[in-house]
């Protein structure tokens, strides 16, 4: 097969097909770049719409201990309750603006979720990310007494190592219920604003996003198609070399075999 591969005819075909594969590779890379550009633009428009949206009652979107639906990510909601400062924990190893630090996570004991579930949710616990700090010493005490909170919903994370020395590695409702009690929501809230307000020591976070949301799927599919075409060109040459090695010209069909009678 190696002897067939180095024949002038096969080498000429190899050059042509490698050139075709290279073109397909470049077109795939171009489509990937387009996917990132268009995806980032669409994501920016989506985030602008999320920020500008009016909040809706939490009780219309999610009830305690019910499944968190994917479409609820970044939904802006409002809820009333009281922070329990004694249960506040820090979520370590979280990056904000390129710097690793801590999220300040505080349990909010709900008194009124509004909407359809409304007061039926009274007494439930909603984890609230009140902001980000660079060091544990920067974390403040939450407002005392009833507070009206506005924030973005996000799904609970997978369990980590549990609460240890006032810190966790994951925002997991299944893990936090052991420390905070229940009933508990299966998602958490990323704070936008509250009344009364909190101190300015905490940096507020951007709206949550879902993985892969900054890529345009249509252009991503086009990129994959071009790369598949490029791989096909190389495989085609290998198939032609195999046929050549078997003594059958690559551009001629195989003669049908007949059975003697």
Protein backbone atom coordinates (compact mmCIF):
# COMPACT_ATOMS: atom_id res chain seq x y z
CA UNK A 1 0.00 0.00 0.00
CA UNK A 2 2.94 2.31 0.68
CA UNK A 3 4.25 1.68 -2.82
CA UNK A 4 0.90 2.68 -4.27
CA UNK A 5 0.79 5.81 -2.12
CA UNK A 6 4.07 7.21 -3.52
CA UNK A 7 3.12 6.79 -7.16
CA UNK A 8 3.06 10.15 -9.01
CA UNK A 9 -0.65 9.87 -9.68
CA UNK A 10 -1.48 9.29 -6.01
CA UNK A 11 0.88 12.04 -4.87
CA UNK A 12 -0.80 14.48 -7.26
CA UNK A 13 -4.20 13.51 -5.89
CA UNK A 14 -2.87 13.89 -2.37
CA UNK A 15 -1.79 17.47 -3.05
CA UNK A 16 -5.19 18.34 -4.51
CA UNK A 17 -7.16 16.72 -1.69
CA UNK A 18 -4.92 18.21 1.02
CA UNK A 19 -5.49 21.63 -0.52
CA UNK A 20 -9.24 20.96 -0.44
CA UNK A 21 -9.00 19.83 3.20
CA UNK A 22 -7.05 22.97 4.10
CA UNK A 23 -9.71 25.16 2.48
CA UNK A 24 -12.41 23.29 4.38
CA UNK A 25 -10.44 23.76 7.61
CA UNK A 26 -10.15 27.52 7.04
CA UNK A 27 -13.83 27.81 6.20
CA UNK A 28 -14.65 25.88 9.37
CA UNK A 29 -12.48 28.22 11.44
CA UNK A 30 -14.19 31.21 9.80
CA UNK A 31 -17.62 29.82 10.65
CA UNK A 32 -16.47 29.22 14.24
CA UNK A 33 -15.35 32.83 14.47
CA UNK A 34 -18.73 33.91 13.09
CA UNK A 35 -20.44 31.70 15.68
CA UNK A 36 -18.56 33.48 18.48
CA UNK A 37 -19.24 36.97 17.08
CA UNK A 38 -22.93 36.39 16.39
CA UNK A 39 -23.37 34.49 19.63
CA UNK A 40 -21.75 37.25 21.68
CA UNK A 41 -23.91 39.87 20.00
CA UNK A 42 -27.06 37.85 20.61
CA UNK A 43 -26.02 37.25 24.21
CA UNK A 44 -25.42 40.97 24.75
CA UNK A 45 -28.87 41.75 23.37
CA UNK A 46 -30.37 39.03 25.56
CA UNK A 47 -28.66 40.37 28.68
CA UNK A 48 -29.85 43.89 27.89
CA UNK A 49 -33.41 42.61 27.63
CA UNK A 50 -33.02 40.73 30.95
CA UNK A 51 -31.73 43.84 32.72
CA UNK A 52 -34.53 46.00 31.30
CA UNK A 53 -37.28 43.47 32.14
CA UNK A 54 -39.72 44.19 34.95
CA UNK A 55 -39.52 41.71 37.84
CA UNK A 56 -42.35 39.24 38.35
CA UNK A 57 -43.42 37.61 41.64
CA UNK A 58 -41.31 34.60 42.59
CA UNK A 59 -44.54 32.78 43.44
CA UNK A 60 -45.56 32.85 39.77
CA UNK A 61 -42.35 31.17 38.66
CA UNK A 62 -41.09 28.75 41.30
CA UNK A 63 -42.38 27.14 44.48
CA UNK A 64 -40.22 25.65 47.26
CA UNK A 65 -38.97 22.10 46.71
CA UNK A 66 -40.17 21.93 43.09
CA UNK A 67 -38.11 21.25 39.97
CA UNK A 68 -36.15 24.20 38.63
CA UNK A 69 -36.96 24.54 34.93
CA UNK A 70 -34.23 25.56 32.51
CA UNK A 71 -36.17 28.53 31.15
CA UNK A 72 -36.12 30.13 34.61
CA UNK A 73 -32.40 30.92 34.40
CA UNK A 74 -31.92 34.72 34.61
CA UNK A 75 -35.66 35.32 35.18
CA UNK A 76 -35.96 38.54 37.19
CA UNK A 77 -38.23 38.06 40.20
CA UNK A 78 -39.20 39.82 43.40
CA UNK A 79 -39.78 38.33 46.85
CA UNK A 80 -40.18 39.54 50.44
CA UNK A 81 -38.52 37.96 53.46
CA UNK A 82 -35.98 38.34 56.24
CA UNK A 83 -32.27 37.57 55.99
CA UNK A 84 -30.87 35.15 58.55
CA UNK A 85 -27.40 36.54 59.13
CA UNK A 86 -26.36 33.61 61.33
CA UNK A 87 -26.63 31.26 58.36
CA UNK A 88 -24.56 33.37 55.96
CA UNK A 89 -21.73 31.49 54.21
CA UNK A 90 -19.05 32.32 51.67
CA UNK A 91 -18.70 30.48 48.37
CA UNK A 92 -14.97 30.31 47.69
CA UNK A 93 -13.04 30.28 44.42
CA UNK A 94 -15.46 32.42 42.43
CA UNK A 95 -14.06 34.75 39.77
CA UNK A 96 -15.41 38.26 39.20
CA UNK A 97 -13.80 40.64 36.68
CA UNK A 98 -10.81 38.33 36.44
CA UNK A 99 -10.15 38.14 40.19
CA UNK A 100 -10.80 35.10 42.38
CA UNK A 101 -12.76 35.75 45.54
CA UNK A 102 -15.93 34.81 47.40
CA UNK A 103 -19.68 35.00 46.85
CA UNK A 104 -21.66 36.10 49.88
CA UNK A 105 -24.55 33.64 50.21
CA UNK A 106 -27.30 34.47 52.70
CA UNK A 107 -30.52 32.56 53.51
CA UNK A 108 -33.68 34.58 53.03
CA UNK A 109 -36.61 33.31 55.10
CA UNK A 110 -39.52 34.07 52.74
CA UNK A 111 -42.62 35.77 54.12
CA UNK A 112 -44.40 36.49 50.82
CA UNK A 113 -43.41 35.19 47.38
CA UNK A 114 -46.31 36.96 45.71
CA UNK A 115 -48.19 35.58 42.74
CA UNK A 116 -49.99 32.24 42.75
CA UNK A 117 -48.06 30.56 45.56
CA UNK A 118 -47.78 33.81 47.49
CA UNK A 119 -48.07 33.31 51.20
CA UNK A 120 -48.07 29.52 50.79
CA UNK A 121 -44.30 29.85 50.46
CA UNK A 122 -44.01 31.62 53.81
CA UNK A 123 -41.28 30.06 55.92
CA UNK A 124 -39.35 28.61 52.98
CA UNK A 125 -35.65 29.39 52.56
CA UNK A 126 -34.31 31.05 49.42
CA UNK A 127 -30.51 31.18 48.98
CA UNK A 128 -29.50 34.70 47.90
CA UNK A 129 -26.13 35.63 46.41
CA UNK A 130 -25.88 39.18 47.71
CA UNK A 131 -22.63 39.89 45.87
CA UNK A 132 -18.90 39.20 45.53
CA UNK A 133 -15.97 40.14 47.79
CA UNK A 134 -12.22 39.73 47.40
CA UNK A 135 -11.62 38.51 50.96
CA UNK A 136 -13.81 37.08 53.73
CA UNK A 137 -13.20 40.22 55.79
CA UNK A 138 -15.01 42.29 53.13
CA UNK A 139 -18.30 40.45 53.63
CA UNK A 140 -20.93 42.64 55.31
CA UNK A 141 -23.94 41.92 57.48
CA UNK A 142 -27.28 41.75 55.60
CA UNK A 143 -30.05 44.28 56.25
CA UNK A 144 -32.06 43.59 59.41
CA UNK A 145 -35.81 43.01 59.33
CA UNK A 146 -38.18 42.54 56.38
CA UNK A 147 -36.61 43.23 53.01
CA UNK A 148 -37.99 43.37 49.47
CA UNK A 149 -35.53 41.66 47.14
CA UNK A 150 -35.19 41.74 43.35
CA UNK A 151 -32.84 39.32 41.62
CA UNK A 152 -32.16 36.80 38.87
CA UNK A 153 -32.99 33.13 39.30
CA UNK A 154 -30.32 30.49 38.81
CA UNK A 155 -30.40 26.70 39.20
CA UNK A 156 -28.89 25.04 42.24
CA UNK A 157 -25.43 23.54 41.71
CA UNK A 158 -24.24 20.01 42.40
CA UNK A 159 -23.25 19.25 45.98
CA UNK A 160 -19.72 20.06 47.08
CA UNK A 161 -17.93 19.35 50.35
CA UNK A 162 -20.61 20.71 52.68
CA UNK A 163 -20.46 23.76 54.93
CA UNK A 164 -17.08 23.99 56.63
CA UNK A 165 -15.91 26.95 58.72
CA UNK A 166 -18.59 29.15 57.19
CA UNK A 167 -17.54 28.35 53.62
CA UNK A 168 -18.80 26.17 50.77
CA UNK A 169 -17.57 25.37 47.28
CA UNK A 170 -21.02 25.04 45.69
CA UNK A 171 -24.41 26.71 45.93
CA UNK A 172 -26.31 23.48 46.47
CA UNK A 173 -29.81 23.49 47.95
CA UNK A 174 -29.46 19.80 48.79
CA UNK A 175 -26.39 20.64 50.82
CA UNK A 176 -27.62 23.88 52.39
CA UNK A 177 -30.89 22.46 53.67
CA UNK A 178 -28.92 20.55 56.31
CA UNK A 179 -27.53 23.80 57.69
CA UNK A 180 -30.47 26.13 57.07
CA UNK A 181 -33.49 23.87 57.38
CA UNK A 182 -36.37 23.77 54.95
CA UNK A 183 -38.42 23.80 52.94
CA UNK A 184 -35.86 25.22 50.51
CA UNK A 185 -35.97 26.40 46.90
CA UNK A 186 -34.16 24.33 44.25
CA UNK A 187 -32.64 27.48 42.79
CA UNK A 188 -31.02 30.58 44.18
CA UNK A 189 -31.28 34.31 43.62
CA UNK A 190 -28.56 36.60 42.27
CA UNK A 191 -29.28 39.95 43.89
CA UNK A 192 -30.06 43.01 41.77
CA UNK A 193 -31.48 45.35 44.40
CA UNK A 194 -33.16 45.34 47.79
CA UNK A 195 -35.21 47.65 49.97
CA UNK A 196 -33.79 48.53 52.42
CA UNK A 197 -30.51 48.45 50.57
CA UNK A 198 -27.28 46.78 51.63
CA UNK A 199 -23.84 48.34 51.95
CA UNK A 200 -21.68 49.02 48.92
CA UNK A 201 -18.98 46.63 50.09
CA UNK A 202 -20.33 43.84 47.88
CA UNK A 203 -19.97 43.85 44.09
CA UNK A 204 -23.21 42.84 42.38
CA UNK A 205 -23.03 40.14 39.71
CA UNK A 206 -24.16 40.13 36.07
CA UNK A 207 -27.23 38.13 35.02
CA UNK A 208 -26.61 34.36 34.95
CA UNK A 209 -25.96 32.63 31.64
CA UNK A 210 -26.22 29.05 30.43
CA UNK A 211 -23.20 27.13 29.08
CA UNK A 212 -22.61 27.68 25.38
CA UNK A 213 -24.98 30.64 25.19
CA UNK A 214 -22.26 32.81 23.62
CA UNK A 215 -22.03 30.60 20.49
CA UNK A 216 -24.40 30.79 17.54
CA UNK A 217 -25.52 27.20 16.95
CA UNK A 218 -26.20 27.64 13.23
CA UNK A 219 -22.68 28.87 12.47
CA UNK A 220 -21.27 26.23 14.82
CA UNK A 221 -23.03 23.55 12.76
CA UNK A 222 -21.62 25.05 9.54
CA UNK A 223 -18.12 24.91 11.04
CA UNK A 224 -18.56 21.24 11.91
CA UNK A 225 -19.77 20.51 8.37
CA UNK A 226 -16.69 22.10 6.78
CA UNK A 227 -14.37 20.13 9.07
CA UNK A 228 -16.20 16.91 8.19
CA UNK A 229 -15.77 17.69 4.47
CA UNK A 230 -12.04 18.23 5.05
CA UNK A 231 -11.72 14.91 6.86
CA UNK A 232 -13.66 13.23 4.06
CA UNK A 233 -11.14 14.50 1.50
CA UNK A 234 -8.29 12.83 3.39
CA UNK A 235 -10.25 9.60 3.82
CA UNK A 236 -11.09 9.64 0.12
CA UNK A 237 -7.38 9.67 -0.74
CA UNK A 238 -6.73 6.75 1.60
CA UNK A 239 -9.54 4.83 -0.07
CA UNK A 240 -8.08 5.55 -3.50
CA UNK A 241 -4.63 4.41 -2.36
CA UNK A 242 -6.11 1.16 -1.09
CA UNK A 243 -7.84 0.55 -4.40
CA UNK A 244 -4.62 1.34 -6.27
CA UNK A 245 -2.69 -1.10 -4.12
CA UNK A 246 -5.21 -3.81 -4.96
CA UNK A 247 -4.54 -3.27 -8.63
CA UNK A 248 -7.82 -1.53 -9.28
CA UNK A 249 -7.64 2.02 -10.68
CA UNK A 250 -9.45 4.40 -8.36
CA UNK A 251 -11.44 5.90 -11.23
CA UNK A 252 -12.68 2.59 -12.61
CA UNK A 253 -15.53 0.55 -11.15
CA UNK A 254 -14.92 -2.97 -9.92
CA UNK A 255 -15.82 -5.58 -12.55
CA UNK A 256 -18.70 -7.75 -11.40
CA UNK A 257 -17.83 -11.34 -10.63
CA UNK A 258 -19.68 -14.05 -12.53
CA UNK A 259 -20.27 -17.61 -11.51
CA UNK A 260 -19.47 -20.33 -14.02
CA UNK A 261 -22.29 -22.70 -14.82
